[in-house]
Amino acid sequence: MALWIGDGPVRIGRDEWVLMRDEPRVPAAVVRLIDRGGPDEHYRVVSFDLDPARRRLIGRYTSLEAADRSVLFSPPGPYRQGVYGGPPNGRAAADRG
Protein backbone atom coordinates (compact mmCIF):
# COMPACT_ATOMS: atom_id res chain seq x y z
CA MET A 1 0.00 0.00 0.00
CA ALA A 2 1.46 3.37 -1.02
CA LEU A 3 1.44 6.31 1.36
CA TRP A 4 -0.33 9.39 0.10
CA ILE A 5 1.57 11.88 2.25
CA GLY A 6 3.53 14.33 0.13
CA ASP A 7 2.21 13.01 -3.17
CA GLY A 8 -0.20 15.88 -3.74
CA PRO A 9 -3.99 15.88 -3.99
CA VAL A 10 -5.72 12.51 -4.25
CA ARG A 11 -8.59 12.62 -6.72
CA ILE A 12 -11.78 11.05 -5.38
CA GLY A 13 -14.21 12.38 -8.00
CA ARG A 14 -14.39 14.42 -11.17
CA ASP A 15 -14.15 17.72 -9.29
CA GLU A 16 -13.07 16.61 -5.80
CA TRP A 17 -9.76 15.78 -4.11
CA VAL A 18 -8.54 15.02 -0.61
CA LEU A 19 -5.29 16.37 0.82
CA MET A 20 -3.30 14.03 3.02
CA ARG A 21 -0.90 15.47 5.56
CA ASP A 22 0.19 14.19 8.99
CA GLU A 23 -2.15 11.21 9.30
CA PRO A 24 -1.75 8.68 6.46
CA ARG A 25 -5.28 7.26 6.88
CA VAL A 26 -7.31 10.42 7.53
CA PRO A 27 -7.51 13.35 5.09
CA ALA A 28 -6.54 16.82 6.31
CA ALA A 29 -8.80 18.64 3.84
CA VAL A 30 -11.23 18.27 0.96
CA VAL A 31 -10.88 20.32 -2.24
CA ARG A 32 -13.78 20.83 -4.61
CA LEU A 33 -13.70 22.57 -8.00
CA ILE A 34 -16.58 25.04 -8.15
CA ASP A 35 -18.09 26.41 -11.41
CA ARG A 36 -15.87 24.32 -13.73
CA GLY A 37 -15.10 26.33 -16.87
CA GLY A 38 -17.23 29.24 -15.73
CA PRO A 39 -16.24 32.81 -14.95
CA ASP A 40 -16.10 32.11 -11.21
CA GLU A 41 -14.12 28.83 -11.40
CA HIS A 42 -12.20 28.23 -8.18
CA TYR A 43 -11.09 25.51 -5.78
CA ARG A 44 -12.80 25.53 -2.39
CA VAL A 45 -10.79 23.96 0.47
CA VAL A 46 -12.44 22.79 3.68
CA SER A 47 -10.96 20.99 6.67
CA PHE A 48 -11.85 17.32 6.85
CA ASP A 49 -14.17 15.83 9.45
CA LEU A 50 -16.24 12.65 9.21
CA ASP A 51 -19.24 14.83 10.03
CA PRO A 52 -19.59 17.24 7.07
CA ALA A 53 -21.32 19.79 9.34
CA ARG A 54 -18.05 20.15 11.30
CA ARG A 55 -15.90 20.95 8.26
CA ARG A 56 -14.60 24.53 8.11
CA LEU A 57 -13.66 26.69 5.14
CA ILE A 58 -9.90 27.11 4.73
CA GLY A 59 -10.06 29.21 1.57
CA ARG A 60 -10.83 29.57 -2.13
CA TYR A 61 -8.03 29.42 -4.70
CA THR A 62 -7.59 29.85 -8.45
CA SER A 63 -5.50 26.67 -8.90
CA LEU A 64 -5.34 23.18 -7.46
CA GLU A 65 -1.66 23.78 -6.65
CA ALA A 66 -2.50 26.85 -4.54
CA ALA A 67 -5.27 24.91 -2.80
CA ASP A 68 -2.79 22.12 -2.02
CA ARG A 69 -0.23 24.58 -0.61
CA SER A 70 -2.87 26.13 1.69
CA VAL A 71 -2.98 23.04 3.91
CA LEU A 72 0.21 22.70 5.94
CA PHE A 73 1.92 19.79 7.62
CA SER A 74 2.45 20.00 11.39
CA PRO A 75 6.16 20.15 12.23
CA PRO A 76 7.56 17.14 14.09
CA GLY A 77 7.63 17.32 17.90
CA PRO A 78 11.35 18.23 18.20
CA TYR A 79 10.84 21.24 15.90
CA ARG A 80 7.78 22.45 17.80
CA GLN A 81 9.58 22.26 21.13
CA GLY A 82 13.05 23.25 19.94
CA VAL A 83 16.12 21.06 19.97
CA TYR A 84 16.72 19.59 23.43
CA GLY A 85 13.58 21.29 24.71
CA GLY A 86 14.84 24.83 24.02
CA PRO A 87 13.43 27.46 21.69
CA PRO A 88 13.07 26.42 18.02
CA ASN A 89 15.87 28.70 16.82
CA GLY A 90 18.23 27.59 19.62
CA ARG A 91 18.35 31.04 21.23
CA ALA A 92 16.52 32.26 24.28
CA ALA A 93 14.52 35.49 23.97
CA ALA A 94 17.01 37.31 26.21
CA ASP A 95 19.91 36.34 23.91
CA ARG A 96 18.38 37.95 20.82
CA GLY A 97 19.37 41.45 21.92
PDB file of N, CA and C in Angstrom:
ATOM      1  N   MET A   1       0.843  -1.181   0.000  1.00  0.00           N
ATOM      2  CA  MET A   1       0.000   0.000   0.000  1.00  0.00           C
ATOM      3  C   MET A   1       0.887   1.242   0.000  1.00  0.00           C
ATOM      4  N   ALA A   2       0.674   2.134  -0.924  1.00  0.00           N
ATOM      5  CA  ALA A   2       1.460   3.366  -1.023  1.00  0.00           C
ATOM      6  C   ALA A   2       0.933   4.408  -0.052  1.00  0.00           C
ATOM      7  N   LEU A   3       1.844   5.190   0.515  1.00  0.00           N
ATOM      8  CA  LEU A   3       1.444   6.305   1.364  1.00  0.00           C
ATOM      9  C   LEU A   3       1.095   7.490   0.495  1.00  0.00           C
ATOM     10  N   TRP A   4       0.087   8.234   0.873  1.00  0.00           N
ATOM     11  CA  TRP A   4      -0.330   9.393   0.103  1.00  0.00           C
ATOM     12  C   TRP A   4       0.384  10.655   0.533  1.00  0.00           C
ATOM     13  N   ILE A   5       0.970  10.668   1.717  1.00  0.00           N
ATOM     14  CA  ILE A   5       1.571  11.882   2.252  1.00  0.00           C
ATOM     15  C   ILE A   5       2.631  12.408   1.298  1.00  0.00           C
ATOM     16  N   GLY A   6       2.545  13.679   0.972  1.00  0.00           N
ATOM     17  CA  GLY A   6       3.529  14.333   0.135  1.00  0.00           C
ATOM     18  C   GLY A   6       3.374  14.087  -1.351  1.00  0.00           C
ATOM     19  N   ASP A   7       2.386  13.309  -1.754  1.00  0.00           N
ATOM     20  CA  ASP A   7       2.208  13.009  -3.168  1.00  0.00           C
ATOM     21  C   ASP A   7       1.202  13.934  -3.840  1.00  0.00           C
ATOM     22  N   GLY A   8       0.741  14.935  -3.154  1.00  0.00           N
ATOM     23  CA  GLY A   8      -0.203  15.875  -3.741  1.00  0.00           C
ATOM     24  C   GLY A   8      -1.643  15.438  -3.544  1.00  0.00           C
ATOM     25  N   PRO A   9      -2.564  16.175  -4.140  1.00  0.00           N
ATOM     26  CA  PRO A   9      -3.987  15.877  -3.989  1.00  0.00           C
ATOM     27  C   PRO A   9      -4.337  14.489  -4.524  1.00  0.00           C
ATOM     28  N   VAL A  10      -5.238  13.830  -3.832  1.00  0.00           N
ATOM     29  CA  VAL A  10      -5.717  12.511  -4.250  1.00  0.00           C
ATOM     30  C   VAL A  10      -7.122  12.704  -4.807  1.00  0.00           C
ATOM     31  N   ARG A  11      -7.286  12.416  -6.078  1.00  0.00           N
ATOM     32  CA  ARG A  11      -8.594  12.620  -6.725  1.00  0.00           C
ATOM     33  C   ARG A  11      -9.570  11.547  -6.251  1.00  0.00           C
ATOM     34  N   ILE A  12     -10.742  11.995  -5.812  1.00  0.00           N
ATOM     35  CA  ILE A  12     -11.782  11.054  -5.379  1.00  0.00           C
ATOM     36  C   ILE A  12     -13.054  11.210  -6.205  1.00  0.00           C
ATOM     37  N   GLY A  13     -13.062  12.155  -7.113  1.00  0.00           N
ATOM     38  CA  GLY A  13     -14.211  12.383  -7.995  1.00  0.00           C
ATOM     39  C   GLY A  13     -13.790  13.299  -9.124  1.00  0.00           C
ATOM     40  N   ARG A  14     -14.711  13.571 -10.021  1.00  0.00           N
ATOM     41  CA  ARG A  14     -14.389  14.419 -11.172  1.00  0.00           C
ATOM     42  C   ARG A  14     -13.865  15.782 -10.736  1.00  0.00           C
ATOM     43  N   ASP A  15     -14.500  16.374  -9.749  1.00  0.00           N
ATOM     44  CA  ASP A  15     -14.153  17.719  -9.289  1.00  0.00           C
ATOM     45  C   ASP A  15     -13.836  17.750  -7.800  1.00  0.00           C
ATOM     46  N   GLU A  16     -13.311  16.653  -7.246  1.00  0.00           N
ATOM     47  CA  GLU A  16     -13.066  16.605  -5.801  1.00  0.00           C
ATOM     48  C   GLU A  16     -11.783  15.840  -5.497  1.00  0.00           C
ATOM     49  N   TRP A  17     -11.017  16.367  -4.536  1.00  0.00           N
ATOM     50  CA  TRP A  17      -9.756  15.780  -4.110  1.00  0.00           C
ATOM     51  C   TRP A  17      -9.688  15.809  -2.591  1.00  0.00           C
ATOM     52  N   VAL A  18      -8.874  14.933  -2.028  1.00  0.00           N
ATOM     53  CA  VAL A  18      -8.543  15.024  -0.606  1.00  0.00           C
ATOM     54  C   VAL A  18      -7.050  15.327  -0.508  1.00  0.00           C
ATOM     55  N   LEU A  19      -6.686  16.049   0.546  1.00  0.00           N
ATOM     56  CA  LEU A  19      -5.292  16.374   0.816  1.00  0.00           C
ATOM     57  C   LEU A  19      -4.862  15.621   2.061  1.00  0.00           C
ATOM     58  N   MET A  20      -3.821  14.818   1.913  1.00  0.00           N
ATOM     59  CA  MET A  20      -3.301  14.029   3.024  1.00  0.00           C
ATOM     60  C   MET A  20      -2.111  14.779   3.615  1.00  0.00           C
ATOM     61  N   ARG A  21      -2.018  14.795   4.920  1.00  0.00           N
ATOM     62  CA  ARG A  21      -0.901  15.466   5.563  1.00  0.00           C
ATOM     63  C   ARG A  21      -0.287  14.567   6.630  1.00  0.00           C
ATOM     64  N   ASP A  22      -0.505  14.868   7.899  1.00  0.00           N
ATOM     65  CA  ASP A  22       0.194  14.185   8.987  1.00  0.00           C
ATOM     66  C   ASP A  22      -0.289  12.764   9.234  1.00  0.00           C
ATOM     67  N   GLU A  23      -1.558  12.519   9.041  1.00  0.00           N
ATOM     68  CA  GLU A  23      -2.152  11.210   9.303  1.00  0.00           C
ATOM     69  C   GLU A  23      -2.347  10.477   7.980  1.00  0.00           C
ATOM     70  N   PRO A  24      -1.669   9.345   7.767  1.00  0.00           N
ATOM     71  CA  PRO A  24      -1.749   8.677   6.464  1.00  0.00           C
ATOM     72  C   PRO A  24      -3.108   8.041   6.149  1.00  0.00           C
ATOM     73  N   ARG A  25      -3.987   7.915   7.129  1.00  0.00           N
ATOM     74  CA  ARG A  25      -5.284   7.264   6.882  1.00  0.00           C
ATOM     75  C   ARG A  25      -6.474   8.217   6.978  1.00  0.00           C
ATOM     76  N   VAL A  26      -6.220   9.465   7.373  1.00  0.00           N
ATOM     77  CA  VAL A  26      -7.314  10.424   7.532  1.00  0.00           C
ATOM     78  C   VAL A  26      -6.962  11.697   6.772  1.00  0.00           C
ATOM     79  N   PRO A  27      -7.807  12.130   5.833  1.00  0.00           N
ATOM     80  CA  PRO A  27      -7.508  13.353   5.088  1.00  0.00           C
ATOM     81  C   PRO A  27      -7.426  14.574   5.997  1.00  0.00           C
ATOM     82  N   ALA A  28      -6.624  15.545   5.584  1.00  0.00           N
ATOM     83  CA  ALA A  28      -6.540  16.816   6.309  1.00  0.00           C
ATOM     84  C   ALA A  28      -7.573  17.801   5.764  1.00  0.00           C
ATOM     85  N   ALA A  29      -7.874  17.689   4.471  1.00  0.00           N
ATOM     86  CA  ALA A  29      -8.800  18.636   3.845  1.00  0.00           C
ATOM     87  C   ALA A  29      -9.434  18.027   2.605  1.00  0.00           C
ATOM     88  N   VAL A  30     -10.525  18.658   2.176  1.00  0.00           N
ATOM     89  CA  VAL A  30     -11.231  18.273   0.958  1.00  0.00           C
ATOM     90  C   VAL A  30     -11.236  19.488   0.035  1.00  0.00           C
ATOM     91  N   VAL A  31     -10.894  19.256  -1.235  1.00  0.00           N
ATOM     92  CA  VAL A  31     -10.878  20.323  -2.237  1.00  0.00           C
ATOM     93  C   VAL A  31     -11.958  20.014  -3.265  1.00  0.00           C
ATOM     94  N   ARG A  32     -12.734  21.017  -3.608  1.00  0.00           N
ATOM     95  CA  ARG A  32     -13.784  20.831  -4.609  1.00  0.00           C
ATOM     96  C   ARG A  32     -13.689  21.959  -5.635  1.00  0.00           C
ATOM     97  N   LEU A  33     -13.704  21.577  -6.922  1.00  0.00           N
ATOM     98  CA  LEU A  33     -13.704  22.566  -8.002  1.00  0.00           C
ATOM     99  C   LEU A  33     -15.126  23.084  -8.155  1.00  0.00           C
ATOM    100  N   ILE A  34     -15.273  24.392  -8.074  1.00  0.00           N
ATOM    101  CA  ILE A  34     -16.579  25.039  -8.151  1.00  0.00           C
ATOM    102  C   ILE A  34     -16.676  25.799  -9.475  1.00  0.00           C
ATOM    103  N   ASP A  35     -17.799  25.701 -10.156  1.00  0.00           N
ATOM    104  CA  ASP A  35     -18.086  26.410 -11.408  1.00  0.00           C
ATOM    105  C   ASP A  35     -17.065  26.081 -12.486  1.00  0.00           C
ATOM    106  N   ARG A  36     -16.852  24.777 -12.734  1.00  0.00           N
ATOM    107  CA  ARG A  36     -15.865  24.317 -13.734  1.00  0.00           C
ATOM    108  C   ARG A  36     -16.097  25.016 -15.074  1.00  0.00           C
ATOM    109  N   GLY A  37     -15.036  25.664 -15.579  1.00  0.00           N
ATOM    110  CA  GLY A  37     -15.095  26.325 -16.873  1.00  0.00           C
ATOM    111  C   GLY A  37     -15.859  27.634 -16.892  1.00  0.00           C
ATOM    112  N   GLY A  38     -16.451  27.998 -15.788  1.00  0.00           N
ATOM    113  CA  GLY A  38     -17.226  29.239 -15.726  1.00  0.00           C
ATOM    114  C   GLY A  38     -16.376  30.432 -15.310  1.00  0.00           C
ATOM    115  N   PRO A  39     -16.985  31.600 -15.292  1.00  0.00           N
ATOM    116  CA  PRO A  39     -16.238  32.814 -14.948  1.00  0.00           C
ATOM    117  C   PRO A  39     -15.788  32.859 -13.489  1.00  0.00           C
ATOM    118  N   ASP A  40     -16.439  32.113 -12.635  1.00  0.00           N
ATOM    119  CA  ASP A  40     -16.095  32.108 -11.214  1.00  0.00           C
ATOM    120  C   ASP A  40     -15.420  30.806 -10.785  1.00  0.00           C
ATOM    121  N   GLU A  41     -14.769  30.112 -11.734  1.00  0.00           N
ATOM    122  CA  GLU A  41     -14.119  28.832 -11.404  1.00  0.00           C
ATOM    123  C   GLU A  41     -13.096  29.035 -10.287  1.00  0.00           C
ATOM    124  N   HIS A  42     -13.162  28.182  -9.271  1.00  0.00           N
ATOM    125  CA  HIS A  42     -12.202  28.229  -8.175  1.00  0.00           C
ATOM    126  C   HIS A  42     -12.215  26.895  -7.433  1.00  0.00           C
ATOM    127  N   TYR A  43     -11.215  26.711  -6.599  1.00  0.00           N
ATOM    128  CA  TYR A  43     -11.087  25.509  -5.782  1.00  0.00           C
ATOM    129  C   TYR A  43     -11.382  25.892  -4.340  1.00  0.00           C
ATOM    130  N   ARG A  44     -12.403  25.262  -3.771  1.00  0.00           N
ATOM    131  CA  ARG A  44     -12.797  25.528  -2.387  1.00  0.00           C
ATOM    132  C   ARG A  44     -12.165  24.460  -1.505  1.00  0.00           C
ATOM    133  N   VAL A  45     -11.480  24.876  -0.442  1.00  0.00           N
ATOM    134  CA  VAL A  45     -10.791  23.957   0.466  1.00  0.00           C
ATOM    135  C   VAL A  45     -11.460  24.024   1.828  1.00  0.00           C
ATOM    136  N   VAL A  46     -11.857  22.869   2.339  1.00  0.00           N
ATOM    137  CA  VAL A  46     -12.435  22.795   3.678  1.00  0.00           C
ATOM    138  C   VAL A  46     -11.664  21.759   4.485  1.00  0.00           C
ATOM    139  N   SER A  47     -11.593  21.986   5.800  1.00  0.00           N
ATOM    140  CA  SER A  47     -10.962  20.995   6.669  1.00  0.00           C
ATOM    141  C   SER A  47     -11.784  19.721   6.649  1.00  0.00           C
ATOM    142  N   PHE A  48     -11.140  18.589   6.886  1.00  0.00           N
ATOM    143  CA  PHE A  48     -11.855  17.322   6.848  1.00  0.00           C
ATOM    144  C   PHE A  48     -12.377  16.957   8.234  1.00  0.00           C
ATOM    145  N   ASP A  49     -13.578  16.446   8.269  1.00  0.00           N
ATOM    146  CA  ASP A  49     -14.167  15.829   9.453  1.00  0.00           C
ATOM    147  C   ASP A  49     -15.149  14.787   8.930  1.00  0.00           C
ATOM    148  N   LEU A  50     -15.276  13.672   9.641  1.00  0.00           N
ATOM    149  CA  LEU A  50     -16.239  12.654   9.214  1.00  0.00           C
ATOM    150  C   LEU A  50     -17.649  13.212   9.154  1.00  0.00           C
ATOM    151  N   ASP A  51     -17.946  14.160  10.035  1.00  0.00           N
ATOM    152  CA  ASP A  51     -19.240  14.832  10.034  1.00  0.00           C
ATOM    153  C   ASP A  51     -19.120  16.082   9.152  1.00  0.00           C
ATOM    154  N   PRO A  52     -19.724  16.087   7.967  1.00  0.00           N
ATOM    155  CA  PRO A  52     -19.593  17.244   7.075  1.00  0.00           C
ATOM    156  C   PRO A  52     -20.001  18.571   7.713  1.00  0.00           C
ATOM    157  N   ALA A  53     -20.893  18.553   8.682  1.00  0.00           N
ATOM    158  CA  ALA A  53     -21.319  19.785   9.343  1.00  0.00           C
ATOM    159  C   ALA A  53     -20.190  20.415  10.159  1.00  0.00           C
ATOM    160  N   ARG A  54     -19.170  19.639  10.493  1.00  0.00           N
ATOM    161  CA  ARG A  54     -18.053  20.152  11.302  1.00  0.00           C
ATOM    162  C   ARG A  54     -16.868  20.605  10.447  1.00  0.00           C
ATOM    163  N   ARG A  55     -16.971  20.488   9.138  1.00  0.00           N
ATOM    164  CA  ARG A  55     -15.902  20.952   8.255  1.00  0.00           C
ATOM    165  C   ARG A  55     -15.920  22.481   8.206  1.00  0.00           C
ATOM    166  N   ARG A  56     -14.723  23.074   8.106  1.00  0.00           N
ATOM    167  CA  ARG A  56     -14.599  24.530   8.113  1.00  0.00           C
ATOM    168  C   ARG A  56     -13.847  25.000   6.871  1.00  0.00           C
ATOM    169  N   LEU A  57     -14.286  26.128   6.327  1.00  0.00           N
ATOM    170  CA  LEU A  57     -13.657  26.689   5.143  1.00  0.00           C
ATOM    171  C   LEU A  57     -12.227  27.122   5.455  1.00  0.00           C
ATOM    172  N   ILE A  58     -11.295  26.675   4.638  1.00  0.00           N
ATOM    173  CA  ILE A  58      -9.898  27.108   4.733  1.00  0.00           C
ATOM    174  C   ILE A  58      -9.668  28.248   3.748  1.00  0.00           C
ATOM    175  N   GLY A  59     -10.218  28.137   2.547  1.00  0.00           N
ATOM    176  CA  GLY A  59     -10.064  29.211   1.573  1.00  0.00           C
ATOM    177  C   GLY A  59     -10.544  28.812   0.198  1.00  0.00           C
ATOM    178  N   ARG A  60     -10.464  29.776  -0.726  1.00  0.00           N
ATOM    179  CA  ARG A  60     -10.828  29.573  -2.127  1.00  0.00           C
ATOM    180  C   ARG A  60      -9.633  30.015  -2.959  1.00  0.00           C
ATOM    181  N   TYR A  61      -9.268  29.200  -3.960  1.00  0.00           N
ATOM    182  CA  TYR A  61      -8.033  29.419  -4.705  1.00  0.00           C
ATOM    183  C   TYR A  61      -8.274  29.262  -6.195  1.00  0.00           C
ATOM    184  N   THR A  62      -7.418  29.885  -6.999  1.00  0.00           N
ATOM    185  CA  THR A  62      -7.586  29.852  -8.450  1.00  0.00           C
ATOM    186  C   THR A  62      -6.926  28.637  -9.096  1.00  0.00           C
ATOM    187  N   SER A  63      -6.138  27.872  -8.331  1.00  0.00           N
ATOM    188  CA  SER A  63      -5.503  26.675  -8.895  1.00  0.00           C
ATOM    189  C   SER A  63      -5.497  25.556  -7.852  1.00  0.00           C
ATOM    190  N   LEU A  64      -5.431  24.330  -8.351  1.00  0.00           N
ATOM    191  CA  LEU A  64      -5.338  23.177  -7.459  1.00  0.00           C
ATOM    192  C   LEU A  64      -4.022  23.216  -6.684  1.00  0.00           C
ATOM    193  N   GLU A  65      -2.955  23.687  -7.313  1.00  0.00           N
ATOM    194  CA  GLU A  65      -1.663  23.782  -6.647  1.00  0.00           C
ATOM    195  C   GLU A  65      -1.723  24.742  -5.462  1.00  0.00           C
ATOM    196  N   ALA A  66      -2.362  25.892  -5.635  1.00  0.00           N
ATOM    197  CA  ALA A  66      -2.503  26.854  -4.542  1.00  0.00           C
ATOM    198  C   ALA A  66      -3.371  26.274  -3.430  1.00  0.00           C
ATOM    199  N   ALA A  67      -4.412  25.557  -3.802  1.00  0.00           N
ATOM    200  CA  ALA A  67      -5.269  24.912  -2.805  1.00  0.00           C
ATOM    201  C   ALA A  67      -4.469  23.890  -2.000  1.00  0.00           C
ATOM    202  N   ASP A  68      -3.634  23.117  -2.684  1.00  0.00           N
ATOM    203  CA  ASP A  68      -2.794  22.116  -2.018  1.00  0.00           C
ATOM    204  C   ASP A  68      -1.821  22.785  -1.058  1.00  0.00           C
ATOM    205  N   ARG A  69      -1.198  23.885  -1.468  1.00  0.00           N
ATOM    206  CA  ARG A  69      -0.233  24.585  -0.608  1.00  0.00           C
ATOM    207  C   ARG A  69      -0.883  25.232   0.604  1.00  0.00           C
ATOM    208  N   SER A  70      -2.189  25.447   0.573  1.00  0.00           N
ATOM    209  CA  SER A  70      -2.866  26.134   1.686  1.00  0.00           C
ATOM    210  C   SER A  70      -3.006  25.264   2.922  1.00  0.00           C
ATOM    211  N   VAL A  71      -2.837  23.958   2.777  1.00  0.00           N
ATOM    212  CA  VAL A  71      -2.980  23.039   3.912  1.00  0.00           C
ATOM    213  C   VAL A  71      -1.587  22.569   4.304  1.00  0.00           C
ATOM    214  N   LEU A  72      -1.160  22.949   5.496  1.00  0.00           N
ATOM    215  CA  LEU A  72       0.207  22.700   5.935  1.00  0.00           C
ATOM    216  C   LEU A  72       0.347  21.399   6.701  1.00  0.00           C
ATOM    217  N   PHE A  73       1.564  20.898   6.745  1.00  0.00           N
ATOM    218  CA  PHE A  73       1.918  19.790   7.617  1.00  0.00           C
ATOM    219  C   PHE A  73       2.224  20.365   8.990  1.00  0.00           C
ATOM    220  N   SER A  74       2.010  19.593  10.057  1.00  0.00           N
ATOM    221  CA  SER A  74       2.454  20.002  11.388  1.00  0.00           C
ATOM    222  C   SER A  74       3.918  19.620  11.518  1.00  0.00           C
ATOM    223  N   PRO A  75       4.750  20.521  12.061  1.00  0.00           N
ATOM    224  CA  PRO A  75       6.156  20.154  12.229  1.00  0.00           C
ATOM    225  C   PRO A  75       6.305  19.040  13.257  1.00  0.00           C
ATOM    226  N   PRO A  76       7.334  18.206  13.115  1.00  0.00           N
ATOM    227  CA  PRO A  76       7.556  17.139  14.095  1.00  0.00           C
ATOM    228  C   PRO A  76       7.768  17.712  15.486  1.00  0.00           C
ATOM    229  N   GLY A  77       7.512  16.903  16.508  1.00  0.00           N
ATOM    230  CA  GLY A  77       7.631  17.324  17.900  1.00  0.00           C
ATOM    231  C   GLY A  77       8.921  18.052  18.242  1.00  0.00           C
ATOM    232  N   PRO A  78      10.106  17.536  17.849  1.00  0.00           N
ATOM    233  CA  PRO A  78      11.345  18.234  18.201  1.00  0.00           C
ATOM    234  C   PRO A  78      11.420  19.645  17.637  1.00  0.00           C
ATOM    235  N   TYR A  79      10.830  19.899  16.473  1.00  0.00           N
ATOM    236  CA  TYR A  79      10.841  21.240  15.904  1.00  0.00           C
ATOM    237  C   TYR A  79       9.879  22.163  16.628  1.00  0.00           C
ATOM    238  N   ARG A  80       8.743  21.626  17.060  1.00  0.00           N
ATOM    239  CA  ARG A  80       7.781  22.450  17.797  1.00  0.00           C
ATOM    240  C   ARG A  80       8.344  22.869  19.140  1.00  0.00           C
ATOM    241  N   GLN A  81       9.091  21.979  19.794  1.00  0.00           N
ATOM    242  CA  GLN A  81       9.582  22.260  21.132  1.00  0.00           C
ATOM    243  C   GLN A  81      10.989  22.832  21.127  1.00  0.00           C
ATOM    244  N   GLY A  82      11.665  22.804  20.005  1.00  0.00           N
ATOM    245  CA  GLY A  82      13.047  23.254  19.943  1.00  0.00           C
ATOM    246  C   GLY A  82      13.969  22.082  20.254  1.00  0.00           C
ATOM    247  N   VAL A  83      15.157  22.132  19.739  1.00  0.00           N
ATOM    248  CA  VAL A  83      16.124  21.060  19.971  1.00  0.00           C
ATOM    249  C   VAL A  83      16.458  21.005  21.457  1.00  0.00           C
ATOM    250  N   TYR A  84      16.435  19.830  22.005  1.00  0.00           N
ATOM    251  CA  TYR A  84      16.722  19.590  23.426  1.00  0.00           C
ATOM    252  C   TYR A  84      15.770  20.347  24.352  1.00  0.00           C
ATOM    253  N   GLY A  85      14.578  20.628  23.874  1.00  0.00           N
ATOM    254  CA  GLY A  85      13.579  21.288  24.712  1.00  0.00           C
ATOM    255  C   GLY A  85      13.713  22.790  24.768  1.00  0.00           C
ATOM    256  N   GLY A  86      14.657  23.376  24.021  1.00  0.00           N
ATOM    257  CA  GLY A  86      14.843  24.827  24.015  1.00  0.00           C
ATOM    258  C   GLY A  86      13.983  25.478  22.950  1.00  0.00           C
ATOM    259  N   PRO A  87      14.198  26.773  22.724  1.00  0.00           N
ATOM    260  CA  PRO A  87      13.427  27.465  21.689  1.00  0.00           C
ATOM    261  C   PRO A  87      13.767  26.917  20.307  1.00  0.00           C
ATOM    262  N   PRO A  88      12.855  27.000  19.346  1.00  0.00           N
ATOM    263  CA  PRO A  88      13.070  26.417  18.021  1.00  0.00           C
ATOM    264  C   PRO A  88      14.321  26.916  17.313  1.00  0.00           C
ATOM    265  N   ASN A  89      14.695  28.180  17.512  1.00  0.00           N
ATOM    266  CA  ASN A  89      15.868  28.704  16.819  1.00  0.00           C
ATOM    267  C   ASN A  89      17.147  28.512  17.626  1.00  0.00           C
ATOM    268  N   GLY A  90      17.056  27.866  18.808  1.00  0.00           N
ATOM    269  CA  GLY A  90      18.225  27.594  19.621  1.00  0.00           C
ATOM    270  C   GLY A  90      18.689  28.759  20.467  1.00  0.00           C
ATOM    271  N   ARG A  91      17.960  29.881  20.446  1.00  0.00           N
ATOM    272  CA  ARG A  91      18.354  31.043  21.226  1.00  0.00           C
ATOM    273  C   ARG A  91      17.219  31.456  22.134  1.00  0.00           C
ATOM    274  N   ALA A  92      17.532  31.770  23.337  1.00  0.00           N
ATOM    275  CA  ALA A  92      16.523  32.265  24.275  1.00  0.00           C
ATOM    276  C   ALA A  92      16.167  33.689  23.905  1.00  0.00           C
ATOM    277  N   ALA A  93      14.984  34.140  24.294  1.00  0.00           N
ATOM    278  CA  ALA A  93      14.525  35.493  23.965  1.00  0.00           C
ATOM    279  C   ALA A  93      15.507  36.550  24.477  1.00  0.00           C
ATOM    280  N   ALA A  94      16.080  36.340  25.639  1.00  0.00           N
ATOM    281  CA  ALA A  94      17.007  37.311  26.211  1.00  0.00           C
ATOM    282  C   ALA A  94      18.293  37.410  25.406  1.00  0.00           C
ATOM    283  N   ASP A  95      18.672  36.350  24.684  1.00  0.00           N
ATOM    284  CA  ASP A  95      19.915  36.338  23.915  1.00  0.00           C
ATOM    285  C   ASP A  95      19.788  37.062  22.581  1.00  0.00           C
ATOM    286  N   ARG A  96      18.578  37.368  22.157  1.00  0.00           N
ATOM    287  CA  ARG A  96      18.376  37.955  20.819  1.00  0.00           C
ATOM    288  C   ARG A  96      18.775  39.412  20.735  1.00  0.00           C
ATOM    289  N   GLY A  97      18.888  40.072  21.873  1.00  0.00           N
ATOM    290  CA  GLY A  97      19.368  41.453  21.924  1.00  0.00           C
ATOM    291  C   GLY A  97      18.495  42.411  21.321  1.00  0.00           C
TER     292      GLY A  97
END
